[in-house]
Amino acid sequence: MTNPERKNEMGFIGYEYKDQVCSREMSSVYLDGYPNFGWIPEDTALTSAGAKTISIRFKRDRKIRNKAELTRLQRQFDACADEIVRLTRAETSGAAILAFTIGLLGTAFLAGATFAYLGGLFPLMVLLAIPGFAGWILPYFCYRNSYDKKCRETAPLIERKYDEIYDVCEKANRLLSAAAE
C-alpha cells in the first residue's frame, strides 16, 4: 500500500478525491474495502439530519501504480456492494407490498360493510365485516412470513456477494502491495 505521506522530489503529492454516498449499514464495508484500492478515508458525514445515508470522502495519490486495474477492481467491488443493497431491499419490498395489498382489501371490505350498515342491510354488513377485519389483522402475519421466506432465499446470495467483495479486496491489496515494492 502506498504511503499517504509520500512526497515527490519537490515535496508535493497530488491527490484525487472521491465522495461515496452509501447507507449506514454499508458504510463499514466501504471504509474497510476502499483502502485496498489505495483510497484513504478523509471525512464522514451524514447526508442530512436523521438521514439513512452517509457520505464518506476518500483521497488517494494521483500517481498510484496499477491505477487502471485498481479502478476495474473497484468497479467490481461497487457492483457487488450495490447488489447486496438490492438484495437487502428485496427482502422487505415484496413483503410490504403483500401486506399493504391485504390491508387495502380489508379496508375495502370494511367500507362496503359500513355502506351496507347505513343502507340497513345488516346481514350483508356482517358478511363484509368479517373479511374486512381479517384484512386488517392478517397483514402483519403475512408480512412476517413473506419476509422470513425471502430472507432465507437471499441470505446465501448476499453471503456470496460478501465473499466476492473480500476476494476483490484481496486482489486489489496484493496489487497495491506489489506496486509499493
C-alpha atoms as a PDB file:
ATOM      1  CA  MET A   1       0.000   0.000   0.000  1.00  0.00           C
ATOM      2  CA  THR A   2       1.291   3.439  -0.814  1.00  0.00           C
ATOM      3  CA  ASN A   3       2.262   5.739   1.983  1.00  0.00           C
ATOM      4  CA  PRO A   4      -0.153   8.704   2.068  1.00  0.00           C
ATOM      5  CA  GLU A   5       2.627  10.948   3.338  1.00  0.00           C
ATOM      6  CA  ARG A   6       4.938  10.104   0.415  1.00  0.00           C
ATOM      7  CA  LYS A   7       6.185  13.174  -1.403  1.00  0.00           C
ATOM      8  CA  ASN A   8       7.983  13.517  -4.686  1.00  0.00           C
ATOM      9  CA  GLU A   9      11.257  15.377  -5.138  1.00  0.00           C
ATOM     10  CA  MET A  10       9.530  18.780  -4.959  1.00  0.00           C
ATOM     11  CA  GLY A  11       7.712  17.910  -1.708  1.00  0.00           C
ATOM     12  CA  PHE A  12       4.343  17.827  -3.452  1.00  0.00           C
ATOM     13  CA  ILE A  13       1.882  14.976  -3.813  1.00  0.00           C
ATOM     14  CA  GLY A  14      -1.294  15.311  -5.839  1.00  0.00           C
ATOM     15  CA  TYR A  15      -4.440  13.605  -4.645  1.00  0.00           C
ATOM     16  CA  GLU A  16      -7.655  12.652  -6.340  1.00  0.00           C
ATOM     17  CA  TYR A  17     -10.841  12.710  -4.271  1.00  0.00           C
ATOM     18  CA  LYS A  18     -13.971  10.611  -4.215  1.00  0.00           C
ATOM     19  CA  ASP A  19     -17.222  11.086  -2.324  1.00  0.00           C
ATOM     20  CA  GLN A  20     -19.071   7.833  -1.700  1.00  0.00           C
ATOM     21  CA  VAL A  21     -22.688   8.055  -0.550  1.00  0.00           C
ATOM     22  CA  CYS A  22     -23.975   4.834   0.971  1.00  0.00           C
ATOM     23  CA  SER A  23     -26.381   3.531   3.580  1.00  0.00           C
ATOM     24  CA  ARG A  24     -25.247   3.489   7.181  1.00  0.00           C
ATOM     25  CA  GLU A  25     -25.301  -0.308   7.106  1.00  0.00           C
ATOM     26  CA  MET A  26     -22.869  -0.406   4.167  1.00  0.00           C
ATOM     27  CA  SER A  27     -20.524   2.335   5.413  1.00  0.00           C
ATOM     28  CA  SER A  28     -18.226  -0.106   7.213  1.00  0.00           C
ATOM     29  CA  VAL A  29     -17.947  -2.194   4.029  1.00  0.00           C
ATOM     30  CA  TYR A  30     -16.739   0.873   2.120  1.00  0.00           C
ATOM     31  CA  LEU A  31     -14.458   2.030   4.939  1.00  0.00           C
ATOM     32  CA  ASP A  32     -12.894  -1.445   5.093  1.00  0.00           C
ATOM     33  CA  GLY A  33     -12.781  -2.046   1.341  1.00  0.00           C
ATOM     34  CA  TYR A  34     -11.687   1.210  -0.287  1.00  0.00           C
ATOM     35  CA  PRO A  35      -8.229   1.351   1.358  1.00  0.00           C
ATOM     36  CA  ASN A  36      -7.432  -1.808  -0.626  1.00  0.00           C
ATOM     37  CA  PHE A  37      -7.800   0.301  -3.798  1.00  0.00           C
ATOM     38  CA  GLY A  38      -5.464   2.998  -2.495  1.00  0.00           C
ATOM     39  CA  TRP A  39      -8.161   5.266  -1.067  1.00  0.00           C
ATOM     40  CA  ILE A  40      -7.659   6.846   2.343  1.00  0.00           C
ATOM     41  CA  PRO A  41     -10.785   7.809   4.335  1.00  0.00           C
ATOM     42  CA  GLU A  42     -10.710  11.530   4.957  1.00  0.00           C
ATOM     43  CA  ASP A  43     -14.110  12.549   6.301  1.00  0.00           C
ATOM     44  CA  THR A  44     -17.507  11.064   7.096  1.00  0.00           C
ATOM     45  CA  ALA A  45     -20.768  12.995   7.339  1.00  0.00           C
ATOM     46  CA  LEU A  46     -24.497  12.334   7.385  1.00  0.00           C
ATOM     47  CA  THR A  47     -26.151  13.486   4.161  1.00  0.00           C
ATOM     48  CA  SER A  48     -28.902  15.243   6.171  1.00  0.00           C
ATOM     49  CA  ALA A  49     -30.268  15.283   9.694  1.00  0.00           C
ATOM     50  CA  GLY A  50     -31.685  11.868  10.552  1.00  0.00           C
ATOM     51  CA  ALA A  51     -30.653  10.518   7.175  1.00  0.00           C
ATOM     52  CA  LYS A  52     -30.205   6.845   6.485  1.00  0.00           C
ATOM     53  CA  THR A  53     -27.307   7.588   4.155  1.00  0.00           C
ATOM     54  CA  ILE A  54     -23.802   8.701   4.900  1.00  0.00           C
ATOM     55  CA  SER A  55     -21.210  10.455   2.741  1.00  0.00           C
ATOM     56  CA  ILE A  56     -17.613   9.271   3.011  1.00  0.00           C
ATOM     57  CA  ARG A  57     -14.824  11.305   1.447  1.00  0.00           C
ATOM     58  CA  PHE A  58     -11.723   9.440   0.264  1.00  0.00           C
ATOM     59  CA  LYS A  59      -8.437  10.547  -1.261  1.00  0.00           C
ATOM     60  CA  ARG A  60      -5.575   8.751  -2.986  1.00  0.00           C
ATOM     61  CA  ASP A  61      -2.341   9.528  -4.758  1.00  0.00           C
ATOM     62  CA  ARG A  62      -2.939  10.556  -8.372  1.00  0.00           C
ATOM     63  CA  LYS A  63       0.252   8.779  -9.427  1.00  0.00           C
ATOM     64  CA  ILE A  64      -0.658   5.429  -7.879  1.00  0.00           C
ATOM     65  CA  ARG A  65       0.693   2.448  -9.797  1.00  0.00           C
ATOM     66  CA  ASN A  66      -1.643  -0.048 -11.465  1.00  0.00           C
ATOM     67  CA  LYS A  67      -4.395   2.571 -11.354  1.00  0.00           C
ATOM     68  CA  ALA A  68      -6.364   1.110 -14.270  1.00  0.00           C
ATOM     69  CA  GLU A  69      -6.508  -2.376 -12.737  1.00  0.00           C
ATOM     70  CA  LEU A  70      -7.331  -0.970  -9.296  1.00  0.00           C
ATOM     71  CA  THR A  71     -10.158   1.071 -10.824  1.00  0.00           C
ATOM     72  CA  ARG A  72     -11.514  -2.032 -12.576  1.00  0.00           C
ATOM     73  CA  LEU A  73     -11.452  -3.972  -9.309  1.00  0.00           C
ATOM     74  CA  GLN A  74     -13.061  -1.038  -7.514  1.00  0.00           C
ATOM     75  CA  ARG A  75     -15.922  -1.053 -10.046  1.00  0.00           C
ATOM     76  CA  GLN A  76     -16.378  -4.761  -9.374  1.00  0.00           C
ATOM     77  CA  PHE A  77     -16.429  -4.004  -5.625  1.00  0.00           C
ATOM     78  CA  ASP A  78     -19.047  -1.262  -6.141  1.00  0.00           C
ATOM     79  CA  ALA A  79     -21.206  -3.578  -8.258  1.00  0.00           C
ATOM     80  CA  CYS A  80     -21.140  -6.240  -5.534  1.00  0.00           C
ATOM     81  CA  ALA A  81     -21.999  -3.678  -2.851  1.00  0.00           C
ATOM     82  CA  ASP A  82     -24.916  -2.381  -4.954  1.00  0.00           C
ATOM     83  CA  GLU A  83     -26.142  -5.953  -5.428  1.00  0.00           C
ATOM     84  CA  ILE A  84     -26.071  -6.512  -1.656  1.00  0.00           C
ATOM     85  CA  VAL A  85     -28.166  -3.371  -1.150  1.00  0.00           C
ATOM     86  CA  ARG A  86     -30.612  -4.507  -3.849  1.00  0.00           C
ATOM     87  CA  LEU A  87     -30.971  -7.971  -2.313  1.00  0.00           C
ATOM     88  CA  THR A  88     -31.476  -6.480   1.138  1.00  0.00           C
ATOM     89  CA  ARG A  89     -34.216  -4.180  -0.150  1.00  0.00           C
ATOM     90  CA  ALA A  90     -35.890  -7.094  -1.932  1.00  0.00           C
ATOM     91  CA  GLU A  91     -36.330  -8.799   1.445  1.00  0.00           C
ATOM     92  CA  THR A  92     -38.696  -6.095   2.658  1.00  0.00           C
ATOM     93  CA  SER A  93     -40.287  -4.711  -0.507  1.00  0.00           C
ATOM     94  CA  GLY A  94     -42.183  -7.838  -1.569  1.00  0.00           C
ATOM     95  CA  ALA A  95     -43.419  -8.499   1.940  1.00  0.00           C
ATOM     96  CA  ALA A  96     -44.537  -4.876   2.337  1.00  0.00           C
ATOM     97  CA  ILE A  97     -46.433  -4.899  -0.968  1.00  0.00           C
ATOM     98  CA  LEU A  98     -48.240  -8.094   0.053  1.00  0.00           C
ATOM     99  CA  ALA A  99     -49.169  -6.679   3.472  1.00  0.00           C
ATOM    100  CA  PHE A 100     -50.351  -3.349   2.025  1.00  0.00           C
ATOM    101  CA  THR A 101     -52.486  -5.117  -0.579  1.00  0.00           C
ATOM    102  CA  ILE A 102     -54.177  -7.318   2.019  1.00  0.00           C
ATOM    103  CA  GLY A 103     -54.737  -4.295   4.273  1.00  0.00           C
ATOM    104  CA  LEU A 104     -56.219  -2.312   1.391  1.00  0.00           C
ATOM    105  CA  LEU A 105     -58.595  -5.164   0.536  1.00  0.00           C
ATOM    106  CA  GLY A 106     -59.606  -5.353   4.197  1.00  0.00           C
ATOM    107  CA  THR A 107     -60.313  -1.631   4.169  1.00  0.00           C
ATOM    108  CA  ALA A 108     -62.461  -2.017   1.030  1.00  0.00           C
ATOM    109  CA  PHE A 109     -64.483  -4.775   2.708  1.00  0.00           C
ATOM    110  CA  LEU A 110     -64.984  -2.635   5.810  1.00  0.00           C
ATOM    111  CA  ALA A 111     -66.070   0.314   3.654  1.00  0.00           C
ATOM    112  CA  GLY A 112     -68.599  -1.994   1.997  1.00  0.00           C
ATOM    113  CA  ALA A 113     -69.746  -3.158   5.443  1.00  0.00           C
ATOM    114  CA  THR A 114     -70.207   0.452   6.534  1.00  0.00           C
ATOM    115  CA  PHE A 115     -72.298   1.281   3.490  1.00  0.00           C
ATOM    116  CA  ALA A 116     -74.323  -1.920   3.999  1.00  0.00           C
ATOM    117  CA  TYR A 117     -74.996  -0.869   7.601  1.00  0.00           C
ATOM    118  CA  LEU A 118     -76.039   2.628   6.515  1.00  0.00           C
ATOM    119  CA  GLY A 119     -78.320   1.030   3.913  1.00  0.00           C
ATOM    120  CA  GLY A 120     -79.963  -1.143   6.552  1.00  0.00           C
ATOM    121  CA  LEU A 121     -78.545  -4.409   5.169  1.00  0.00           C
ATOM    122  CA  PHE A 122     -77.349  -5.914   8.445  1.00  0.00           C
ATOM    123  CA  PRO A 123     -76.653  -9.482   7.127  1.00  0.00           C
ATOM    124  CA  LEU A 124     -74.537  -8.064   4.269  1.00  0.00           C
ATOM    125  CA  MET A 125     -72.715  -5.834   6.764  1.00  0.00           C
ATOM    126  CA  VAL A 126     -71.722  -8.868   8.862  1.00  0.00           C
ATOM    127  CA  LEU A 127     -70.737 -10.776   5.718  1.00  0.00           C
ATOM    128  CA  LEU A 128     -68.420  -7.936   4.596  1.00  0.00           C
ATOM    129  CA  ALA A 129     -67.079  -7.034   8.061  1.00  0.00           C
ATOM    130  CA  ILE A 130     -65.595 -10.496   8.730  1.00  0.00           C
ATOM    131  CA  PRO A 131     -63.141 -10.454   5.766  1.00  0.00           C
ATOM    132  CA  GLY A 132     -62.610  -6.730   6.422  1.00  0.00           C
ATOM    133  CA  PHE A 133     -61.337  -7.297   9.953  1.00  0.00           C
ATOM    134  CA  ALA A 134     -59.346 -10.312   8.752  1.00  0.00           C
ATOM    135  CA  GLY A 135     -57.798  -7.996   6.144  1.00  0.00           C
ATOM    136  CA  TRP A 136     -56.643  -5.708   8.954  1.00  0.00           C
ATOM    137  CA  ILE A 137     -55.275  -8.491  11.159  1.00  0.00           C
ATOM    138  CA  LEU A 138     -53.567 -10.747   8.592  1.00  0.00           C
ATOM    139  CA  PRO A 139     -51.094  -8.270   7.030  1.00  0.00           C
ATOM    140  CA  TYR A 140     -48.711  -8.464   9.982  1.00  0.00           C
ATOM    141  CA  PHE A 141     -48.539 -12.257   9.848  1.00  0.00           C
ATOM    142  CA  CYS A 142     -48.297 -12.292   6.042  1.00  0.00           C
ATOM    143  CA  TYR A 143     -45.506  -9.708   6.190  1.00  0.00           C
ATOM    144  CA  ARG A 144     -43.509 -11.726   8.733  1.00  0.00           C
ATOM    145  CA  ASN A 145     -43.979 -14.968   6.802  1.00  0.00           C
ATOM    146  CA  SER A 146     -43.055 -13.435   3.436  1.00  0.00           C
ATOM    147  CA  TYR A 147     -40.106 -11.517   4.924  1.00  0.00           C
ATOM    148  CA  ASP A 148     -38.699 -14.614   6.649  1.00  0.00           C
ATOM    149  CA  LYS A 149     -39.069 -16.673   3.467  1.00  0.00           C
ATOM    150  CA  LYS A 150     -37.325 -14.016   1.351  1.00  0.00           C
ATOM    151  CA  CYS A 151     -34.525 -13.704   3.942  1.00  0.00           C
ATOM    152  CA  ARG A 152     -33.896 -17.442   3.730  1.00  0.00           C
ATOM    153  CA  GLU A 153     -33.708 -17.142  -0.076  1.00  0.00           C
ATOM    154  CA  THR A 154     -31.421 -14.105  -0.191  1.00  0.00           C
ATOM    155  CA  ALA A 155     -29.068 -14.910   2.705  1.00  0.00           C
ATOM    156  CA  PRO A 156     -26.861 -17.287   0.656  1.00  0.00           C
ATOM    157  CA  LEU A 157     -26.802 -14.830  -2.262  1.00  0.00           C
ATOM    158  CA  ILE A 158     -25.778 -11.962  -0.007  1.00  0.00           C
ATOM    159  CA  GLU A 159     -23.106 -14.119   1.604  1.00  0.00           C
ATOM    160  CA  ARG A 160     -21.706 -14.979  -1.840  1.00  0.00           C
ATOM    161  CA  LYS A 161     -21.552 -11.286  -2.712  1.00  0.00           C
ATOM    162  CA  TYR A 162     -19.646 -10.563   0.502  1.00  0.00           C
ATOM    163  CA  ASP A 163     -17.225 -13.375  -0.386  1.00  0.00           C
ATOM    164  CA  GLU A 164     -16.788 -11.839  -3.829  1.00  0.00           C
ATOM    165  CA  ILE A 165     -16.103  -8.441  -2.223  1.00  0.00           C
ATOM    166  CA  TYR A 166     -13.440  -9.967   0.010  1.00  0.00           C
ATOM    167  CA  ASP A 167     -11.812 -11.701  -2.980  1.00  0.00           C
ATOM    168  CA  VAL A 168     -11.760  -8.442  -4.965  1.00  0.00           C
ATOM    169  CA  CYS A 169     -10.284  -6.560  -1.993  1.00  0.00           C
ATOM    170  CA  GLU A 170      -7.651  -9.238  -1.552  1.00  0.00           C
ATOM    171  CA  LYS A 171      -6.637  -8.989  -5.225  1.00  0.00           C
ATOM    172  CA  ALA A 172      -6.507  -5.202  -5.040  1.00  0.00           C
ATOM    173  CA  ASN A 173      -4.454  -5.299  -1.854  1.00  0.00           C
ATOM    174  CA  ARG A 174      -1.936  -7.666  -3.443  1.00  0.00           C
ATOM    175  CA  LEU A 175      -1.750  -5.394  -6.492  1.00  0.00           C
ATOM    176  CA  LEU A 176      -1.273  -2.331  -4.294  1.00  0.00           C
ATOM    177  CA  SER A 177       1.362  -4.088  -2.170  1.00  0.00           C
ATOM    178  CA  ALA A 178       3.246  -5.219  -5.284  1.00  0.00           C
ATOM    179  CA  ALA A 179       3.235  -1.649  -6.614  1.00  0.00           C
ATOM    180  CA  ALA A 180       4.655  -0.309  -3.352  1.00  0.00           C
ATOM    181  CA  GLU A 181       7.667  -2.615  -3.514  1.00  0.00           C
END
